[in-house]
Structures are given as C-alpha cells and as structure tokens.
Amino acid sequence: MATTEKVTLTLPSELMQTMRDFVPPRGQSKFVAEAIEYFIEVKQRQLLREELIVGYQVTAEQSINITKDWESLDDEAWLLHVPPYAGEEPAHGPADQEG
C-alpha cells in the first residue's frame, strides 16, 4: 500500500460543494488524489508534445535536405526494382462505380 501524507488544502467553497455533490465524505481524499494524478499526467503529455514539436521544427530543414540528397537514388531504385503497374485504373468516384 502507498504511503499517505495528511495535508491541508485551501480550495474555493464552490469547488468543494461541487465535489461534495459528487463524492461521499469517505471518498474525498481518493477523489482529490486521482484528480491530481490525472492533472499531472495531462500536463506531462502536454509538455512532451511541446518538446516534440520543437524538436521536429528544429530538425525539419535538415530532414528535407537529407531527403533531397537521396532523392535521385530513390528514383533510380524505383525504376530498377518496382515493376510498372499493368492493371486497370481503379474507379475514382460514385459515378465510376455504378454499372
């Protein structure tokens, strides 16, 4: 079982009343703990998302340059190793699908 710590919190009266409407007195500590855990998880995901965005933005130009550097070899590989499509073109819309 997790170690617990008794704390005193000062919260707005309206917030406490709303919690009392949803949670019985014996479940309020658990409710507050779960709410705090949820809030922390959301904040951590938000921070990670922001860090990933910055990382992608920082490396975007470098990634584009690498792609350009290899583009001619990629095109060559496609021409050498991927056979041309020999089938019929698929239907593109509802009018093409009706018989």
PDB file of N, CA and C in Angstrom:
ATOM      1  N   MET A   1       0.844  -1.186   0.000  1.00  0.00           N
ATOM      2  CA  MET A   1       0.000   0.000   0.000  1.00  0.00           C
ATOM      3  C   MET A   1       0.884   1.241   0.000  1.00  0.00           C
ATOM      4  N   ALA A   2       0.484   2.271  -0.719  1.00  0.00           N
ATOM      5  CA  ALA A   2       1.257   3.503  -0.818  1.00  0.00           C
ATOM      6  C   ALA A   2       1.227   4.257   0.498  1.00  0.00           C
ATOM      7  N   THR A   3       2.320   4.909   0.796  1.00  0.00           N
ATOM      8  CA  THR A   3       2.394   5.746   1.983  1.00  0.00           C
ATOM      9  C   THR A   3       1.540   6.983   1.753  1.00  0.00           C
ATOM     10  N   THR A   4       0.829   7.398   2.767  1.00  0.00           N
ATOM     11  CA  THR A   4      -0.015   8.585   2.639  1.00  0.00           C
ATOM     12  C   THR A   4       0.516   9.691   3.530  1.00  0.00           C
ATOM     13  N   GLU A   5       0.103  10.899   3.203  1.00  0.00           N
ATOM     14  CA  GLU A   5       0.507  12.065   3.973  1.00  0.00           C
ATOM     15  C   GLU A   5      -0.715  12.948   4.156  1.00  0.00           C
ATOM     16  N   LYS A   6      -0.956  13.352   5.362  1.00  0.00           N
ATOM     17  CA  LYS A   6      -2.093  14.230   5.644  1.00  0.00           C
ATOM     18  C   LYS A   6      -1.696  15.660   5.295  1.00  0.00           C
ATOM     19  N   VAL A   7      -2.541  16.333   4.507  1.00  0.00           N
ATOM     20  CA  VAL A   7      -2.277  17.711   4.095  1.00  0.00           C
ATOM     21  C   VAL A   7      -3.525  18.552   4.313  1.00  0.00           C
ATOM     22  N   THR A   8      -3.314  19.834   4.381  1.00  0.00           N
ATOM     23  CA  THR A   8      -4.421  20.773   4.479  1.00  0.00           C
ATOM     24  C   THR A   8      -4.422  21.595   3.200  1.00  0.00           C
ATOM     25  N   LEU A   9      -5.552  21.649   2.548  1.00  0.00           N
ATOM     26  CA  LEU A   9      -5.683  22.412   1.307  1.00  0.00           C
ATOM     27  C   LEU A   9      -6.709  23.514   1.500  1.00  0.00           C
ATOM     28  N   THR A  10      -6.489  24.614   0.840  1.00  0.00           N
ATOM     29  CA  THR A  10      -7.470  25.685   0.824  1.00  0.00           C
ATOM     30  C   THR A  10      -8.022  25.746  -0.588  1.00  0.00           C
ATOM     31  N   LEU A  11      -9.320  25.460  -0.711  1.00  0.00           N
ATOM     32  CA  LEU A  11      -9.961  25.413  -2.024  1.00  0.00           C
ATOM     33  C   LEU A  11     -11.183  26.325  -2.023  1.00  0.00           C
ATOM     34  N   PRO A  12     -11.579  26.784  -3.192  1.00  0.00           N
ATOM     35  CA  PRO A  12     -12.787  27.619  -3.268  1.00  0.00           C
ATOM     36  C   PRO A  12     -14.014  26.847  -2.762  1.00  0.00           C
ATOM     37  N   SER A  13     -14.887  27.544  -2.057  1.00  0.00           N
ATOM     38  CA  SER A  13     -16.090  26.919  -1.486  1.00  0.00           C
ATOM     39  C   SER A  13     -16.954  26.275  -2.560  1.00  0.00           C
ATOM     40  N   GLU A  14     -17.102  26.935  -3.694  1.00  0.00           N
ATOM     41  CA  GLU A  14     -17.924  26.387  -4.780  1.00  0.00           C
ATOM     42  C   GLU A  14     -17.354  25.069  -5.285  1.00  0.00           C
ATOM     43  N   LEU A  15     -16.036  24.998  -5.389  1.00  0.00           N
ATOM     44  CA  LEU A  15     -15.393  23.761  -5.844  1.00  0.00           C
ATOM     45  C   LEU A  15     -15.632  22.638  -4.840  1.00  0.00           C
ATOM     46  N   MET A  16     -15.487  22.950  -3.567  1.00  0.00           N
ATOM     47  CA  MET A  16     -15.721  21.937  -2.534  1.00  0.00           C
ATOM     48  C   MET A  16     -17.166  21.459  -2.541  1.00  0.00           C
ATOM     49  N   GLN A  17     -18.108  22.381  -2.725  1.00  0.00           N
ATOM     50  CA  GLN A  17     -19.514  21.979  -2.765  1.00  0.00           C
ATOM     51  C   GLN A  17     -19.790  21.076  -3.964  1.00  0.00           C
ATOM     52  N   THR A  18     -19.205  21.410  -5.088  1.00  0.00           N
ATOM     53  CA  THR A  18     -19.379  20.565  -6.276  1.00  0.00           C
ATOM     54  C   THR A  18     -18.817  19.175  -6.023  1.00  0.00           C
ATOM     55  N   MET A  19     -17.650  19.098  -5.384  1.00  0.00           N
ATOM     56  CA  MET A  19     -17.069  17.796  -5.077  1.00  0.00           C
ATOM     57  C   MET A  19     -17.967  17.029  -4.109  1.00  0.00           C
ATOM     58  N   ARG A  20     -18.499  17.707  -3.099  1.00  0.00           N
ATOM     59  CA  ARG A  20     -19.384  17.038  -2.128  1.00  0.00           C
ATOM     60  C   ARG A  20     -20.636  16.491  -2.808  1.00  0.00           C
ATOM     61  N   ASP A  21     -21.102  17.175  -3.857  1.00  0.00           N
ATOM     62  CA  ASP A  21     -22.283  16.706  -4.587  1.00  0.00           C
ATOM     63  C   ASP A  21     -22.001  15.400  -5.330  1.00  0.00           C
ATOM     64  N   PHE A  22     -20.733  15.188  -5.713  1.00  0.00           N
ATOM     65  CA  PHE A  22     -20.363  14.004  -6.500  1.00  0.00           C
ATOM     66  C   PHE A  22     -19.738  12.892  -5.678  1.00  0.00           C
ATOM     67  N   VAL A  23     -19.085  13.245  -4.573  1.00  0.00           N
ATOM     68  CA  VAL A  23     -18.258  12.269  -3.867  1.00  0.00           C
ATOM     69  C   VAL A  23     -18.691  12.188  -2.405  1.00  0.00           C
ATOM     70  N   PRO A  24     -18.900  10.984  -1.882  1.00  0.00           N
ATOM     71  CA  PRO A  24     -19.235  10.861  -0.462  1.00  0.00           C
ATOM     72  C   PRO A  24     -18.042  11.267   0.401  1.00  0.00           C
ATOM     73  N   PRO A  25     -18.285  11.698   1.653  1.00  0.00           N
ATOM     74  CA  PRO A  25     -17.211  12.181   2.525  1.00  0.00           C
ATOM     75  C   PRO A  25     -16.037  11.196   2.664  1.00  0.00           C
ATOM     76  N   ARG A  26     -16.299   9.912   2.706  1.00  0.00           N
ATOM     77  CA  ARG A  26     -15.236   8.921   2.877  1.00  0.00           C
ATOM     78  C   ARG A  26     -14.428   8.713   1.601  1.00  0.00           C
ATOM     79  N   GLY A  27     -14.837   9.299   0.480  1.00  0.00           N
ATOM     80  CA  GLY A  27     -14.117   9.107  -0.783  1.00  0.00           C
ATOM     81  C   GLY A  27     -13.436  10.359  -1.290  1.00  0.00           C
ATOM     82  N   GLN A  28     -13.500  11.437  -0.511  1.00  0.00           N
ATOM     83  CA  GLN A  28     -12.971  12.709  -0.996  1.00  0.00           C
ATOM     84  C   GLN A  28     -11.454  12.705  -1.142  1.00  0.00           C
ATOM     85  N   SER A  29     -10.733  12.110  -0.231  1.00  0.00           N
ATOM     86  CA  SER A  29      -9.274  12.072  -0.338  1.00  0.00           C
ATOM     87  C   SER A  29      -8.844  11.310  -1.590  1.00  0.00           C
ATOM     88  N   LYS A  30      -9.474  10.179  -1.818  1.00  0.00           N
ATOM     89  CA  LYS A  30      -9.159   9.382  -3.006  1.00  0.00           C
ATOM     90  C   LYS A  30      -9.491  10.173  -4.271  1.00  0.00           C
ATOM     91  N   PHE A  31     -10.622  10.848  -4.257  1.00  0.00           N
ATOM     92  CA  PHE A  31     -11.042  11.643  -5.407  1.00  0.00           C
ATOM     93  C   PHE A  31     -10.015  12.740  -5.709  1.00  0.00           C
ATOM     94  N   VAL A  32      -9.584  13.466  -4.688  1.00  0.00           N
ATOM     95  CA  VAL A  32      -8.604  14.543  -4.873  1.00  0.00           C
ATOM     96  C   VAL A  32      -7.283  13.964  -5.379  1.00  0.00           C
ATOM     97  N   ALA A  33      -6.846  12.838  -4.816  1.00  0.00           N
ATOM     98  CA  ALA A  33      -5.589  12.219  -5.251  1.00  0.00           C
ATOM     99  C   ALA A  33      -5.665  11.814  -6.724  1.00  0.00           C
ATOM    100  N   GLU A  34      -6.787  11.205  -7.124  1.00  0.00           N
ATOM    101  CA  GLU A  34      -6.953  10.800  -8.517  1.00  0.00           C
ATOM    102  C   GLU A  34      -7.010  12.014  -9.448  1.00  0.00           C
ATOM    103  N   ALA A  35      -7.655  13.088  -8.994  1.00  0.00           N
ATOM    104  CA  ALA A  35      -7.744  14.302  -9.806  1.00  0.00           C
ATOM    105  C   ALA A  35      -6.356  14.908 -10.002  1.00  0.00           C
ATOM    106  N   ILE A  36      -5.559  14.934  -8.958  1.00  0.00           N
ATOM    107  CA  ILE A  36      -4.202  15.482  -9.055  1.00  0.00           C
ATOM    108  C   ILE A  36      -3.354  14.611  -9.978  1.00  0.00           C
ATOM    109  N   GLU A  37      -3.436  13.283  -9.834  1.00  0.00           N
ATOM    110  CA  GLU A  37      -2.685  12.374 -10.713  1.00  0.00           C
ATOM    111  C   GLU A  37      -3.070  12.583 -12.172  1.00  0.00           C
ATOM    112  N   TYR A  38      -4.359  12.704 -12.423  1.00  0.00           N
ATOM    113  CA  TYR A  38      -4.837  12.924 -13.797  1.00  0.00           C
ATOM    114  C   TYR A  38      -4.299  14.242 -14.343  1.00  0.00           C
ATOM    115  N   PHE A  39      -4.368  15.287 -13.554  1.00  0.00           N
ATOM    116  CA  PHE A  39      -3.893  16.601 -13.978  1.00  0.00           C
ATOM    117  C   PHE A  39      -2.400  16.556 -14.305  1.00  0.00           C
ATOM    118  N   ILE A  40      -1.626  15.894 -13.457  1.00  0.00           N
ATOM    119  CA  ILE A  40      -0.181  15.786 -13.690  1.00  0.00           C
ATOM    120  C   ILE A  40       0.096  15.014 -14.975  1.00  0.00           C
ATOM    121  N   GLU A  41      -0.616  13.917 -15.225  1.00  0.00           N
ATOM    122  CA  GLU A  41      -0.433  13.145 -16.461  1.00  0.00           C
ATOM    123  C   GLU A  41      -0.739  13.994 -17.687  1.00  0.00           C
ATOM    124  N   VAL A  42      -1.822  14.763 -17.626  1.00  0.00           N
ATOM    125  CA  VAL A  42      -2.188  15.632 -18.754  1.00  0.00           C
ATOM    126  C   VAL A  42      -1.099  16.665 -18.996  1.00  0.00           C
ATOM    127  N   LYS A  43      -0.605  17.285 -17.940  1.00  0.00           N
ATOM    128  CA  LYS A  43       0.458  18.290 -18.064  1.00  0.00           C
ATOM    129  C   LYS A  43       1.743  17.674 -18.622  1.00  0.00           C
ATOM    130  N   GLN A  44       2.099  16.472 -18.152  1.00  0.00           N
ATOM    131  CA  GLN A  44       3.308  15.820 -18.652  1.00  0.00           C
ATOM    132  C   GLN A  44       3.181  15.502 -20.143  1.00  0.00           C
ATOM    133  N   ARG A  45       2.016  15.024 -20.574  1.00  0.00           N
ATOM    134  CA  ARG A  45       1.811  14.756 -22.006  1.00  0.00           C
ATOM    135  C   ARG A  45       1.876  16.044 -22.807  1.00  0.00           C
ATOM    136  N   GLN A  46       1.304  17.114 -22.264  1.00  0.00           N
ATOM    137  CA  GLN A  46       1.331  18.413 -22.942  1.00  0.00           C
ATOM    138  C   GLN A  46       2.768  18.908 -23.099  1.00  0.00           C
ATOM    139  N   LEU A  47       3.566  18.795 -22.052  1.00  0.00           N
ATOM    140  CA  LEU A  47       4.972  19.212 -22.118  1.00  0.00           C
ATOM    141  C   LEU A  47       5.753  18.369 -23.127  1.00  0.00           C
ATOM    142  N   LEU A  48       5.519  17.058 -23.123  1.00  0.00           N
ATOM    143  CA  LEU A  48       6.190  16.178 -24.075  1.00  0.00           C
ATOM    144  C   LEU A  48       5.813  16.538 -25.504  1.00  0.00           C
ATOM    145  N   ARG A  49       4.531  16.778 -25.728  1.00  0.00           N
ATOM    146  CA  ARG A  49       4.051  17.161 -27.062  1.00  0.00           C
ATOM    147  C   ARG A  49       4.740  18.447 -27.527  1.00  0.00           C
ATOM    148  N   GLU A  50       4.847  19.426 -26.629  1.00  0.00           N
ATOM    149  CA  GLU A  50       5.511  20.686 -26.968  1.00  0.00           C
ATOM    150  C   GLU A  50       6.991  20.470 -27.278  1.00  0.00           C
ATOM    151  N   GLU A  51       7.653  19.607 -26.500  1.00  0.00           N
ATOM    152  CA  GLU A  51       9.067  19.310 -26.758  1.00  0.00           C
ATOM    153  C   GLU A  51       9.240  18.613 -28.104  1.00  0.00           C
ATOM    154  N   LEU A  52       8.340  17.689 -28.434  1.00  0.00           N
ATOM    155  CA  LEU A  52       8.421  17.001 -29.721  1.00  0.00           C
ATOM    156  C   LEU A  52       8.215  17.964 -30.878  1.00  0.00           C
ATOM    157  N   ILE A  53       7.270  18.883 -30.742  1.00  0.00           N
ATOM    158  CA  ILE A  53       7.020  19.872 -31.791  1.00  0.00           C
ATOM    159  C   ILE A  53       8.274  20.705 -32.026  1.00  0.00           C
ATOM    160  N   VAL A  54       8.878  21.179 -30.953  1.00  0.00           N
ATOM    161  CA  VAL A  54      10.103  21.976 -31.083  1.00  0.00           C
ATOM    162  C   VAL A  54      11.196  21.142 -31.749  1.00  0.00           C
ATOM    163  N   GLY A  55      11.340  19.900 -31.330  1.00  0.00           N
ATOM    164  CA  GLY A  55      12.362  19.023 -31.913  1.00  0.00           C
ATOM    165  C   GLY A  55      12.140  18.804 -33.396  1.00  0.00           C
ATOM    166  N   TYR A  56      10.897  18.563 -33.792  1.00  0.00           N
ATOM    167  CA  TYR A  56      10.601  18.381 -35.212  1.00  0.00           C
ATOM    168  C   TYR A  56      10.882  19.660 -35.993  1.00  0.00           C
ATOM    169  N   GLN A  57      10.534  20.800 -35.424  1.00  0.00           N
ATOM    170  CA  GLN A  57      10.772  22.059 -36.109  1.00  0.00           C
ATOM    171  C   GLN A  57      12.267  22.327 -36.270  1.00  0.00           C
ATOM    172  N   VAL A  58      13.048  21.994 -35.264  1.00  0.00           N
ATOM    173  CA  VAL A  58      14.485  22.225 -35.323  1.00  0.00           C
ATOM    174  C   VAL A  58      15.135  21.350 -36.394  1.00  0.00           C
ATOM    175  N   THR A  59      14.674  20.120 -36.548  1.00  0.00           N
ATOM    176  CA  THR A  59      15.308  19.197 -37.493  1.00  0.00           C
ATOM    177  C   THR A  59      14.611  19.136 -38.850  1.00  0.00           C
ATOM    178  N   ALA A  60      13.552  19.896 -39.048  1.00  0.00           N
ATOM    179  CA  ALA A  60      12.785  19.813 -40.299  1.00  0.00           C
ATOM    180  C   ALA A  60      13.638  20.129 -41.513  1.00  0.00           C
ATOM    181  N   GLU A  61      14.382  21.215 -41.470  1.00  0.00           N
ATOM    182  CA  GLU A  61      15.191  21.608 -42.623  1.00  0.00           C
ATOM    183  C   GLU A  61      16.262  20.559 -42.909  1.00  0.00           C
ATOM    184  N   GLN A  62      16.872  20.040 -41.862  1.00  0.00           N
ATOM    185  CA  GLN A  62      17.894  19.002 -42.025  1.00  0.00           C
ATOM    186  C   GLN A  62      17.281  17.752 -42.666  1.00  0.00           C
ATOM    187  N   SER A  63      16.088  17.369 -42.227  1.00  0.00           N
ATOM    188  CA  SER A  63      15.415  16.193 -42.790  1.00  0.00           C
ATOM    189  C   SER A  63      15.087  16.393 -44.267  1.00  0.00           C
ATOM    190  N   ILE A  64      14.635  17.585 -44.621  1.00  0.00           N
ATOM    191  CA  ILE A  64      14.325  17.886 -46.029  1.00  0.00           C
ATOM    192  C   ILE A  64      15.594  17.805 -46.870  1.00  0.00           C
ATOM    193  N   ASN A  65      16.698  18.329 -46.368  1.00  0.00           N
ATOM    194  CA  ASN A  65      17.955  18.284 -47.110  1.00  0.00           C
ATOM    195  C   ASN A  65      18.447  16.855 -47.305  1.00  0.00           C
ATOM    196  N   ILE A  66      18.310  16.019 -46.292  1.00  0.00           N
ATOM    197  CA  ILE A  66      18.701  14.613 -46.418  1.00  0.00           C
ATOM    198  C   ILE A  66      17.836  13.932 -47.468  1.00  0.00           C
ATOM    199  N   THR A  67      16.545  14.196 -47.445  1.00  0.00           N
ATOM    200  CA  THR A  67      15.642  13.610 -48.438  1.00  0.00           C
ATOM    201  C   THR A  67      16.035  14.035 -49.841  1.00  0.00           C
ATOM    202  N   LYS A  68      16.350  15.305 -50.017  1.00  0.00           N
ATOM    203  CA  LYS A  68      16.772  15.800 -51.336  1.00  0.00           C
ATOM    204  C   LYS A  68      18.070  15.141 -51.777  1.00  0.00           C
ATOM    205  N   ASP A  69      18.998  14.952 -50.837  1.00  0.00           N
ATOM    206  CA  ASP A  69      20.279  14.324 -51.168  1.00  0.00           C
ATOM    207  C   ASP A  69      20.100  12.910 -51.715  1.00  0.00           C
ATOM    208  N   TRP A  70      19.115  12.187 -51.218  1.00  0.00           N
ATOM    209  CA  TRP A  70      18.915  10.799 -51.602  1.00  0.00           C
ATOM    210  C   TRP A  70      17.831  10.618 -52.672  1.00  0.00           C
ATOM    211  N   GLU A  71      17.183  11.686 -53.074  1.00  0.00           N
ATOM    212  CA  GLU A  71      16.045  11.590 -53.994  1.00  0.00           C
ATOM    213  C   GLU A  71      16.410  10.915 -55.314  1.00  0.00           C
ATOM    214  N   SER A  72      17.531  11.260 -55.909  1.00  0.00           N
ATOM    215  CA  SER A  72      17.886  10.675 -57.207  1.00  0.00           C
ATOM    216  C   SER A  72      18.130   9.174 -57.083  1.00  0.00           C
ATOM    217  N   LEU A  73      18.785   8.740 -55.994  1.00  0.00           N
ATOM    218  CA  LEU A  73      18.995   7.305 -55.797  1.00  0.00           C
ATOM    219  C   LEU A  73      17.677   6.586 -55.529  1.00  0.00           C
ATOM    220  N   ASP A  74      16.791   7.231 -54.818  1.00  0.00           N
ATOM    221  CA  ASP A  74      15.482   6.648 -54.540  1.00  0.00           C
ATOM    222  C   ASP A  74      14.703   6.460 -55.845  1.00  0.00           C
ATOM    223  N   ASP A  75      14.725   7.490 -56.702  1.00  0.00           N
ATOM    224  CA  ASP A  75      14.042   7.390 -58.004  1.00  0.00           C
ATOM    225  C   ASP A  75      14.642   6.271 -58.834  1.00  0.00           C
ATOM    226  N   GLU A  76      15.950   6.159 -58.826  1.00  0.00           N
ATOM    227  CA  GLU A  76      16.632   5.110 -59.589  1.00  0.00           C
ATOM    228  C   GLU A  76      16.230   3.725 -59.085  1.00  0.00           C
ATOM    229  N   ALA A  77      16.168   3.559 -57.783  1.00  0.00           N
ATOM    230  CA  ALA A  77      15.782   2.274 -57.204  1.00  0.00           C
ATOM    231  C   ALA A  77      14.358   1.905 -57.610  1.00  0.00           C
ATOM    232  N   TRP A  78      13.468   2.872 -57.628  1.00  0.00           N
ATOM    233  CA  TRP A  78      12.096   2.606 -58.047  1.00  0.00           C
ATOM    234  C   TRP A  78      12.064   2.118 -59.494  1.00  0.00           C
ATOM    235  N   LEU A  79      12.809   2.788 -60.337  1.00  0.00           N
ATOM    236  CA  LEU A  79      12.814   2.410 -61.746  1.00  0.00           C
ATOM    237  C   LEU A  79      13.405   1.025 -61.967  1.00  0.00           C
ATOM    238  N   LEU A  80      14.411   0.662 -61.185  1.00  0.00           N
ATOM    239  CA  LEU A  80      15.075  -0.630 -61.359  1.00  0.00           C
ATOM    240  C   LEU A  80      14.338  -1.792 -60.699  1.00  0.00           C
ATOM    241  N   HIS A  81      13.676  -1.538 -59.577  1.00  0.00           N
ATOM    242  CA  HIS A  81      13.178  -2.652 -58.765  1.00  0.00           C
ATOM    243  C   HIS A  81      11.665  -2.731 -58.622  1.00  0.00           C
ATOM    244  N   VAL A  82      10.946  -1.743 -59.070  1.00  0.00           N
ATOM    245  CA  VAL A  82       9.485  -1.786 -58.948  1.00  0.00           C
ATOM    246  C   VAL A  82       8.897  -1.887 -60.348  1.00  0.00           C
ATOM    247  N   PRO A  83       8.234  -3.011 -60.634  1.00  0.00           N
ATOM    248  CA  PRO A  83       7.683  -3.165 -61.978  1.00  0.00           C
ATOM    249  C   PRO A  83       6.543  -2.172 -62.217  1.00  0.00           C
ATOM    250  N   PRO A  84       6.359  -1.750 -63.463  1.00  0.00           N
ATOM    251  CA  PRO A  84       5.256  -0.829 -63.760  1.00  0.00           C
ATOM    252  C   PRO A  84       3.910  -1.501 -63.504  1.00  0.00           C
ATOM    253  N   TYR A  85       2.937  -0.720 -63.161  1.00  0.00           N
ATOM    254  CA  TYR A  85       1.587  -1.220 -62.890  1.00  0.00           C
ATOM    255  C   TYR A  85       0.935  -1.616 -64.209  1.00  0.00           C
ATOM    256  N   ALA A  86       0.449  -2.857 -64.295  1.00  0.00           N
ATOM    257  CA  ALA A  86      -0.112  -3.353 -65.546  1.00  0.00           C
ATOM    258  C   ALA A  86      -1.627  -3.534 -65.483  1.00  0.00           C
ATOM    259  N   GLY A  87      -2.240  -3.237 -64.361  1.00  0.00           N
ATOM    260  CA  GLY A  87      -3.676  -3.446 -64.217  1.00  0.00           C
ATOM    261  C   GLY A  87      -4.484  -2.255 -64.685  1.00  0.00           C
ATOM    262  N   GLU A  88      -5.802  -2.373 -64.536  1.00  0.00           N
ATOM    263  CA  GLU A  88      -6.698  -1.266 -64.886  1.00  0.00           C
ATOM    264  C   GLU A  88      -6.680  -0.239 -63.769  1.00  0.00           C
ATOM    265  N   GLU A  89      -6.951   0.982 -64.137  1.00  0.00           N
ATOM    266  CA  GLU A  89      -7.038   2.043 -63.137  1.00  0.00           C
ATOM    267  C   GLU A  89      -8.302   1.826 -62.303  1.00  0.00           C
ATOM    268  N   PRO A  90      -8.239   2.025 -61.006  1.00  0.00           N
ATOM    269  CA  PRO A  90      -9.428   1.857 -60.155  1.00  0.00           C
ATOM    270  C   PRO A  90     -10.432   2.984 -60.388  1.00  0.00           C
ATOM    271  N   ALA A  91     -11.687   2.700 -60.027  1.00  0.00           N
ATOM    272  CA  ALA A  91     -12.733   3.718 -60.113  1.00  0.00           C
ATOM    273  C   ALA A  91     -12.415   4.836 -59.130  1.00  0.00           C
ATOM    274  N   HIS A  92     -12.776   6.082 -59.473  1.00  0.00           N
ATOM    275  CA  HIS A  92     -12.425   7.222 -58.635  1.00  0.00           C
ATOM    276  C   HIS A  92     -13.584   7.865 -57.923  1.00  0.00           C
ATOM    277  N   GLY A  93     -14.806   7.535 -58.268  1.00  0.00           N
ATOM    278  CA  GLY A  93     -15.935   8.175 -57.629  1.00  0.00           C
ATOM    279  C   GLY A  93     -17.192   7.350 -57.755  1.00  0.00           C
ATOM    280  N   PRO A  94     -18.305   7.803 -57.151  1.00  0.00           N
ATOM    281  CA  PRO A  94     -19.552   7.048 -57.188  1.00  0.00           C
ATOM    282  C   PRO A  94     -20.055   6.817 -58.617  1.00  0.00           C
ATOM    283  N   ALA A  95     -19.878   7.791 -59.497  1.00  0.00           N
ATOM    284  CA  ALA A  95     -20.359   7.632 -60.878  1.00  0.00           C
ATOM    285  C   ALA A  95     -19.598   6.535 -61.581  1.00  0.00           C
ATOM    286  N   ASP A  96     -18.291   6.364 -61.289  1.00  0.00           N
ATOM    287  CA  ASP A  96     -17.483   5.337 -61.915  1.00  0.00           C
ATOM    288  C   ASP A  96     -17.838   3.949 -61.396  1.00  0.00           C
ATOM    289  N   GLN A  97     -18.366   3.867 -60.165  1.00  0.00           N
ATOM    290  CA  GLN A  97     -18.650   2.579 -59.544  1.00  0.00           C
ATOM    291  C   GLN A  97     -20.004   2.020 -59.966  1.00  0.00           C
ATOM    292  N   GLU A  98     -20.908   2.893 -60.417  1.00  0.00           N
ATOM    293  CA  GLU A  98     -22.216   2.404 -60.834  1.00  0.00           C
ATOM    294  C   GLU A  98     -22.090   1.703 -62.169  1.00  0.00           C
ATOM    295  N   GLY A  99     -22.825   0.610 -62.356  1.00  0.00           N
ATOM    296  CA  GLY A  99     -22.656  -0.171 -63.567  1.00  0.00           C
ATOM    297  C   GLY A  99     -23.623   0.168 -64.544  1.00  0.00           C
TER     298      GLY A  99
END
